[in-house]
Amino acid sequence: MTSKKNAAYDPKHPPLTTGEKAKFAWYVGRMAKRGIAGESVYQGDLEKKVDRLLDGARQRAEKNAKKK
């Protein structure tokens, strides 16, 4: 069975570049490590970084969709 990439743009799940995927994995890993430390550990800074990363990917995808 071959998998096809979905050509339709989904704003909730923008396509990520390889670098963005690596950063995303790094941030999620750090968030998990902080989660192990306890529930009272602040993670807002990492959540903001993930949000900014996804926003940038979303903007790039919208820009590329308009070009087509």
PDB file of N, CA and C in Angstrom:
ATOM      1  N   MET A   1       0.839  -1.160   0.000  1.00  0.00           N
ATOM      2  CA  MET A   1       0.000   0.000   0.000  1.00  0.00           C
ATOM      3  C   MET A   1       0.893   1.234   0.000  1.00  0.00           C
ATOM      4  N   THR A   2       0.612   2.191  -0.864  1.00  0.00           N
ATOM      5  CA  THR A   2       1.382   3.425  -0.907  1.00  0.00           C
ATOM      6  C   THR A   2       0.584   4.522  -0.239  1.00  0.00           C
ATOM      7  N   SER A   3       1.299   5.411   0.410  1.00  0.00           N
ATOM      8  CA  SER A   3       0.608   6.520   1.063  1.00  0.00           C
ATOM      9  C   SER A   3       0.766   7.772   0.211  1.00  0.00           C
ATOM     10  N   LYS A   4      -0.316   8.486   0.047  1.00  0.00           N
ATOM     11  CA  LYS A   4      -0.299   9.726  -0.700  1.00  0.00           C
ATOM     12  C   LYS A   4      -0.367  10.874   0.293  1.00  0.00           C
ATOM     13  N   LYS A   5       0.337  11.939  -0.035  1.00  0.00           N
ATOM     14  CA  LYS A   5       0.237  13.134   0.796  1.00  0.00           C
ATOM     15  C   LYS A   5      -1.072  13.831   0.459  1.00  0.00           C
ATOM     16  N   ASN A   6      -1.714  14.317   1.477  1.00  0.00           N
ATOM     17  CA  ASN A   6      -2.965  15.027   1.289  1.00  0.00           C
ATOM     18  C   ASN A   6      -2.661  16.394   0.688  1.00  0.00           C
ATOM     19  N   ALA A   7      -3.167  16.646  -0.500  1.00  0.00           N
ATOM     20  CA  ALA A   7      -2.902  17.899  -1.186  1.00  0.00           C
ATOM     21  C   ALA A   7      -3.709  19.059  -0.610  1.00  0.00           C
ATOM     22  N   ALA A   8      -4.802  18.776   0.074  1.00  0.00           N
ATOM     23  CA  ALA A   8      -5.635  19.827   0.651  1.00  0.00           C
ATOM     24  C   ALA A   8      -4.945  20.417   1.868  1.00  0.00           C
ATOM     25  N   TYR A   9      -4.980  21.721   1.968  1.00  0.00           N
ATOM     26  CA  TYR A   9      -4.356  22.428   3.085  1.00  0.00           C
ATOM     27  C   TYR A   9      -5.269  22.394   4.295  1.00  0.00           C
ATOM     28  N   ASP A  10      -4.744  21.971   5.429  1.00  0.00           N
ATOM     29  CA  ASP A  10      -5.487  21.930   6.686  1.00  0.00           C
ATOM     30  C   ASP A  10      -4.830  22.919   7.647  1.00  0.00           C
ATOM     31  N   PRO A  11      -5.502  24.021   8.018  1.00  0.00           N
ATOM     32  CA  PRO A  11      -4.875  25.030   8.884  1.00  0.00           C
ATOM     33  C   PRO A  11      -4.525  24.515  10.277  1.00  0.00           C
ATOM     34  N   LYS A  12      -5.191  23.465  10.741  1.00  0.00           N
ATOM     35  CA  LYS A  12      -4.879  22.943  12.072  1.00  0.00           C
ATOM     36  C   LYS A  12      -3.578  22.149  12.069  1.00  0.00           C
ATOM     37  N   HIS A  13      -3.225  21.576  10.925  1.00  0.00           N
ATOM     38  CA  HIS A  13      -2.027  20.752  10.807  1.00  0.00           C
ATOM     39  C   HIS A  13      -1.231  21.179   9.579  1.00  0.00           C
ATOM     40  N   PRO A  14      -0.513  22.314   9.677  1.00  0.00           N
ATOM     41  CA  PRO A  14       0.243  22.770   8.514  1.00  0.00           C
ATOM     42  C   PRO A  14       1.440  21.855   8.253  1.00  0.00           C
ATOM     43  N   PRO A  15       1.857  21.749   7.004  1.00  0.00           N
ATOM     44  CA  PRO A  15       3.039  20.926   6.708  1.00  0.00           C
ATOM     45  C   PRO A  15       4.283  21.573   7.294  1.00  0.00           C
ATOM     46  N   LEU A  16       5.133  20.760   7.906  1.00  0.00           N
ATOM     47  CA  LEU A  16       6.342  21.260   8.543  1.00  0.00           C
ATOM     48  C   LEU A  16       7.562  20.873   7.719  1.00  0.00           C
ATOM     49  N   THR A  17       8.557  21.761   7.717  1.00  0.00           N
ATOM     50  CA  THR A  17       9.822  21.433   7.087  1.00  0.00           C
ATOM     51  C   THR A  17      10.586  20.499   8.022  1.00  0.00           C
ATOM     52  N   THR A  18      11.673  19.962   7.545  1.00  0.00           N
ATOM     53  CA  THR A  18      12.473  19.045   8.358  1.00  0.00           C
ATOM     54  C   THR A  18      13.012  19.755   9.597  1.00  0.00           C
ATOM     55  N   GLY A  19      13.449  20.983   9.437  1.00  0.00           N
ATOM     56  CA  GLY A  19      13.953  21.753  10.574  1.00  0.00           C
ATOM     57  C   GLY A  19      12.869  22.038  11.596  1.00  0.00           C
ATOM     58  N   GLU A  20      11.683  22.357  11.100  1.00  0.00           N
ATOM     59  CA  GLU A  20      10.566  22.619  12.012  1.00  0.00           C
ATOM     60  C   GLU A  20      10.162  21.355  12.762  1.00  0.00           C
ATOM     61  N   LYS A  21      10.212  20.216  12.088  1.00  0.00           N
ATOM     62  CA  LYS A  21       9.902  18.950  12.756  1.00  0.00           C
ATOM     63  C   LYS A  21      10.900  18.665  13.864  1.00  0.00           C
ATOM     64  N   ALA A  22      12.175  18.954  13.609  1.00  0.00           N
ATOM     65  CA  ALA A  22      13.207  18.728  14.618  1.00  0.00           C
ATOM     66  C   ALA A  22      13.000  19.645  15.824  1.00  0.00           C
ATOM     67  N   LYS A  23      12.705  20.927  15.565  1.00  0.00           N
ATOM     68  CA  LYS A  23      12.451  21.863  16.663  1.00  0.00           C
ATOM     69  C   LYS A  23      11.219  21.440  17.454  1.00  0.00           C
ATOM     70  N   PHE A  24      10.174  21.035  16.739  1.00  0.00           N
ATOM     71  CA  PHE A  24       8.940  20.610  17.382  1.00  0.00           C
ATOM     72  C   PHE A  24       9.215  19.424  18.310  1.00  0.00           C
ATOM     73  N   ALA A  25       9.969  18.442  17.817  1.00  0.00           N
ATOM     74  CA  ALA A  25      10.305  17.269  18.624  1.00  0.00           C
ATOM     75  C   ALA A  25      11.141  17.669  19.835  1.00  0.00           C
ATOM     76  N   TRP A  26      12.075  18.596  19.648  1.00  0.00           N
ATOM     77  CA  TRP A  26      12.917  19.063  20.749  1.00  0.00           C
ATOM     78  C   TRP A  26      12.060  19.725  21.833  1.00  0.00           C
ATOM     79  N   TYR A  27      11.149  20.618  21.423  1.00  0.00           N
ATOM     80  CA  TYR A  27      10.300  21.314  22.392  1.00  0.00           C
ATOM     81  C   TYR A  27       9.381  20.342  23.124  1.00  0.00           C
ATOM     82  N   VAL A  28       8.803  19.394  22.403  1.00  0.00           N
ATOM     83  CA  VAL A  28       7.912  18.418  23.033  1.00  0.00           C
ATOM     84  C   VAL A  28       8.697  17.550  24.015  1.00  0.00           C
ATOM     85  N   GLY A  29       9.915  17.191  23.651  1.00  0.00           N
ATOM     86  CA  GLY A  29      10.763  16.425  24.561  1.00  0.00           C
ATOM     87  C   GLY A  29      11.093  17.194  25.827  1.00  0.00           C
ATOM     88  N   ARG A  30      11.389  18.464  25.687  1.00  0.00           N
ATOM     89  CA  ARG A  30      11.674  19.299  26.859  1.00  0.00           C
ATOM     90  C   ARG A  30      10.432  19.464  27.732  1.00  0.00           C
ATOM     91  N   MET A  31       9.267  19.586  27.067  1.00  0.00           N
ATOM     92  CA  MET A  31       8.022  19.703  27.824  1.00  0.00           C
ATOM     93  C   MET A  31       7.754  18.419  28.599  1.00  0.00           C
ATOM     94  N   ALA A  32       8.046  17.275  27.987  1.00  0.00           N
ATOM     95  CA  ALA A  32       7.854  15.990  28.666  1.00  0.00           C
ATOM     96  C   ALA A  32       8.792  15.873  29.864  1.00  0.00           C
ATOM     97  N   LYS A  33      10.025  16.314  29.681  1.00  0.00           N
ATOM     98  CA  LYS A  33      10.997  16.261  30.777  1.00  0.00           C
ATOM     99  C   LYS A  33      10.543  17.141  31.941  1.00  0.00           C
ATOM    100  N   ARG A  34      10.038  18.324  31.624  1.00  0.00           N
ATOM    101  CA  ARG A  34       9.525  19.206  32.673  1.00  0.00           C
ATOM    102  C   ARG A  34       8.277  18.609  33.318  1.00  0.00           C
ATOM    103  N   GLY A  35       7.487  17.905  32.523  1.00  0.00           N
ATOM    104  CA  GLY A  35       6.285  17.265  33.058  1.00  0.00           C
ATOM    105  C   GLY A  35       6.630  16.195  34.074  1.00  0.00           C
ATOM    106  N   ILE A  36       7.733  15.500  33.847  1.00  0.00           N
ATOM    107  CA  ILE A  36       8.186  14.484  34.794  1.00  0.00           C
ATOM    108  C   ILE A  36       8.604  15.141  36.102  1.00  0.00           C
ATOM    109  N   ALA A  37       9.155  16.348  36.017  1.00  0.00           N
ATOM    110  CA  ALA A  37       9.629  17.053  37.208  1.00  0.00           C
ATOM    111  C   ALA A  37       8.476  17.422  38.144  1.00  0.00           C
ATOM    112  N   GLY A  38       7.300  17.592  37.591  1.00  0.00           N
ATOM    113  CA  GLY A  38       6.148  17.913  38.430  1.00  0.00           C
ATOM    114  C   GLY A  38       5.133  18.747  37.686  1.00  0.00           C
ATOM    115  N   GLU A  39       3.948  18.781  38.231  1.00  0.00           N
ATOM    116  CA  GLU A  39       2.864  19.528  37.581  1.00  0.00           C
ATOM    117  C   GLU A  39       2.982  21.025  37.798  1.00  0.00           C
ATOM    118  N   SER A  40       3.745  21.440  38.805  1.00  0.00           N
ATOM    119  CA  SER A  40       3.859  22.859  39.107  1.00  0.00           C
ATOM    120  C   SER A  40       4.961  23.544  38.302  1.00  0.00           C
ATOM    121  N   VAL A  41       5.677  22.805  37.459  1.00  0.00           N
ATOM    122  CA  VAL A  41       6.757  23.370  36.650  1.00  0.00           C
ATOM    123  C   VAL A  41       6.156  24.149  35.486  1.00  0.00           C
ATOM    124  N   TYR A  42       6.652  25.367  35.272  1.00  0.00           N
ATOM    125  CA  TYR A  42       6.138  26.256  34.237  1.00  0.00           C
ATOM    126  C   TYR A  42       6.576  25.788  32.851  1.00  0.00           C
ATOM    127  N   GLN A  43       5.625  25.647  31.934  1.00  0.00           N
ATOM    128  CA  GLN A  43       5.920  25.230  30.564  1.00  0.00           C
ATOM    129  C   GLN A  43       5.429  26.237  29.538  1.00  0.00           C
ATOM    130  N   GLY A  44       4.949  27.366  29.999  1.00  0.00           N
ATOM    131  CA  GLY A  44       4.383  28.361  29.091  1.00  0.00           C
ATOM    132  C   GLY A  44       5.357  28.847  28.044  1.00  0.00           C
ATOM    133  N   ASP A  45       6.643  28.961  28.394  1.00  0.00           N
ATOM    134  CA  ASP A  45       7.626  29.432  27.428  1.00  0.00           C
ATOM    135  C   ASP A  45       7.773  28.457  26.265  1.00  0.00           C
ATOM    136  N   LEU A  46       7.777  27.165  26.561  1.00  0.00           N
ATOM    137  CA  LEU A  46       7.888  26.169  25.490  1.00  0.00           C
ATOM    138  C   LEU A  46       6.610  26.102  24.672  1.00  0.00           C
ATOM    139  N   GLU A  47       5.465  26.271  25.310  1.00  0.00           N
ATOM    140  CA  GLU A  47       4.197  26.276  24.579  1.00  0.00           C
ATOM    141  C   GLU A  47       4.145  27.442  23.605  1.00  0.00           C
ATOM    142  N   LYS A  48       4.662  28.597  24.010  1.00  0.00           N
ATOM    143  CA  LYS A  48       4.693  29.765  23.126  1.00  0.00           C
ATOM    144  C   LYS A  48       5.604  29.514  21.927  1.00  0.00           C
ATOM    145  N   LYS A  49       6.744  28.844  22.168  1.00  0.00           N
ATOM    146  CA  LYS A  49       7.656  28.543  21.072  1.00  0.00           C
ATOM    147  C   LYS A  49       7.013  27.595  20.070  1.00  0.00           C
ATOM    148  N   VAL A  50       6.297  26.597  20.564  1.00  0.00           N
ATOM    149  CA  VAL A  50       5.603  25.660  19.679  1.00  0.00           C
ATOM    150  C   VAL A  50       4.516  26.394  18.893  1.00  0.00           C
ATOM    151  N   ASP A  51       3.782  27.271  19.562  1.00  0.00           N
ATOM    152  CA  ASP A  51       2.734  28.037  18.879  1.00  0.00           C
ATOM    153  C   ASP A  51       3.325  28.916  17.778  1.00  0.00           C
ATOM    154  N   ARG A  52       4.452  29.578  18.073  1.00  0.00           N
ATOM    155  CA  ARG A  52       5.101  30.422  17.061  1.00  0.00           C
ATOM    156  C   ARG A  52       5.582  29.582  15.881  1.00  0.00           C
ATOM    157  N   LEU A  53       6.117  28.420  16.168  1.00  0.00           N
ATOM    158  CA  LEU A  53       6.590  27.529  15.112  1.00  0.00           C
ATOM    159  C   LEU A  53       5.429  27.117  14.206  1.00  0.00           C
ATOM    160  N   LEU A  54       4.312  26.727  14.802  1.00  0.00           N
ATOM    161  CA  LEU A  54       3.143  26.315  14.020  1.00  0.00           C
ATOM    162  C   LEU A  54       2.536  27.490  13.261  1.00  0.00           C
ATOM    163  N   ASP A  55       2.542  28.687  13.870  1.00  0.00           N
ATOM    164  CA  ASP A  55       2.031  29.870  13.181  1.00  0.00           C
ATOM    165  C   ASP A  55       2.859  30.193  11.942  1.00  0.00           C
ATOM    166  N   GLY A  56       4.179  30.081  12.072  1.00  0.00           N
ATOM    167  CA  GLY A  56       5.056  30.325  10.924  1.00  0.00           C
ATOM    168  C   GLY A  56       4.821  29.319   9.818  1.00  0.00           C
ATOM    169  N   ALA A  57       4.654  28.066  10.178  1.00  0.00           N
ATOM    170  CA  ALA A  57       4.379  27.021   9.184  1.00  0.00           C
ATOM    171  C   ALA A  57       3.029  27.262   8.523  1.00  0.00           C
ATOM    172  N   ARG A  58       2.062  27.690   9.308  1.00  0.00           N
ATOM    173  CA  ARG A  58       0.724  27.968   8.778  1.00  0.00           C
ATOM    174  C   ARG A  58       0.770  29.134   7.779  1.00  0.00           C
ATOM    175  N   GLN A  59       1.497  30.199   8.139  1.00  0.00           N
ATOM    176  CA  GLN A  59       1.612  31.352   7.244  1.00  0.00           C
ATOM    177  C   GLN A  59       2.314  30.973   5.942  1.00  0.00           C
ATOM    178  N   ARG A  60       3.373  30.167   6.042  1.00  0.00           N
ATOM    179  CA  ARG A  60       4.099  29.745   4.849  1.00  0.00           C
ATOM    180  C   ARG A  60       3.204  28.889   3.953  1.00  0.00           C
ATOM    181  N   ALA A  61       2.419  27.998   4.555  1.00  0.00           N
ATOM    182  CA  ALA A  61       1.533  27.134   3.782  1.00  0.00           C
ATOM    183  C   ALA A  61       0.440  27.948   3.084  1.00  0.00           C
ATOM    184  N   GLU A  62      -0.099  28.948   3.768  1.00  0.00           N
ATOM    185  CA  GLU A  62      -1.130  29.799   3.161  1.00  0.00           C
ATOM    186  C   GLU A  62      -0.539  30.597   2.001  1.00  0.00           C
ATOM    187  N   LYS A  63       0.679  31.086   2.194  1.00  0.00           N
ATOM    188  CA  LYS A  63       1.336  31.851   1.143  1.00  0.00           C
ATOM    189  C   LYS A  63       1.582  30.978  -0.081  1.00  0.00           C
ATOM    190  N   ASN A  64       2.025  29.737   0.143  1.00  0.00           N
ATOM    191  CA  ASN A  64       2.264  28.812  -0.969  1.00  0.00           C
ATOM    192  C   ASN A  64       0.957  28.389  -1.635  1.00  0.00           C
ATOM    193  N   ALA A  65      -0.124  28.269  -0.871  1.00  0.00           N
ATOM    194  CA  ALA A  65      -1.415  27.882  -1.433  1.00  0.00           C
ATOM    195  C   ALA A  65      -1.958  28.977  -2.344  1.00  0.00           C
ATOM    196  N   LYS A  66      -1.682  30.245  -1.983  1.00  0.00           N
ATOM    197  CA  LYS A  66      -2.162  31.361  -2.807  1.00  0.00           C
ATOM    198  C   LYS A  66      -1.415  31.458  -4.112  1.00  0.00           C
ATOM    199  N   LYS A  67      -0.158  31.011  -4.121  1.00  0.00           N
ATOM    200  CA  LYS A  67       0.639  31.072  -5.344  1.00  0.00           C
ATOM    201  C   LYS A  67       0.128  30.122  -6.417  1.00  0.00           C
ATOM    202  N   LYS A  68      -0.477  29.033  -5.978  1.00  0.00           N
ATOM    203  CA  LYS A  68      -0.923  28.003  -6.937  1.00  0.00           C
ATOM    204  C   LYS A  68      -2.182  28.359  -7.593  1.00  0.00           C
TER     205      LYS A  68
END
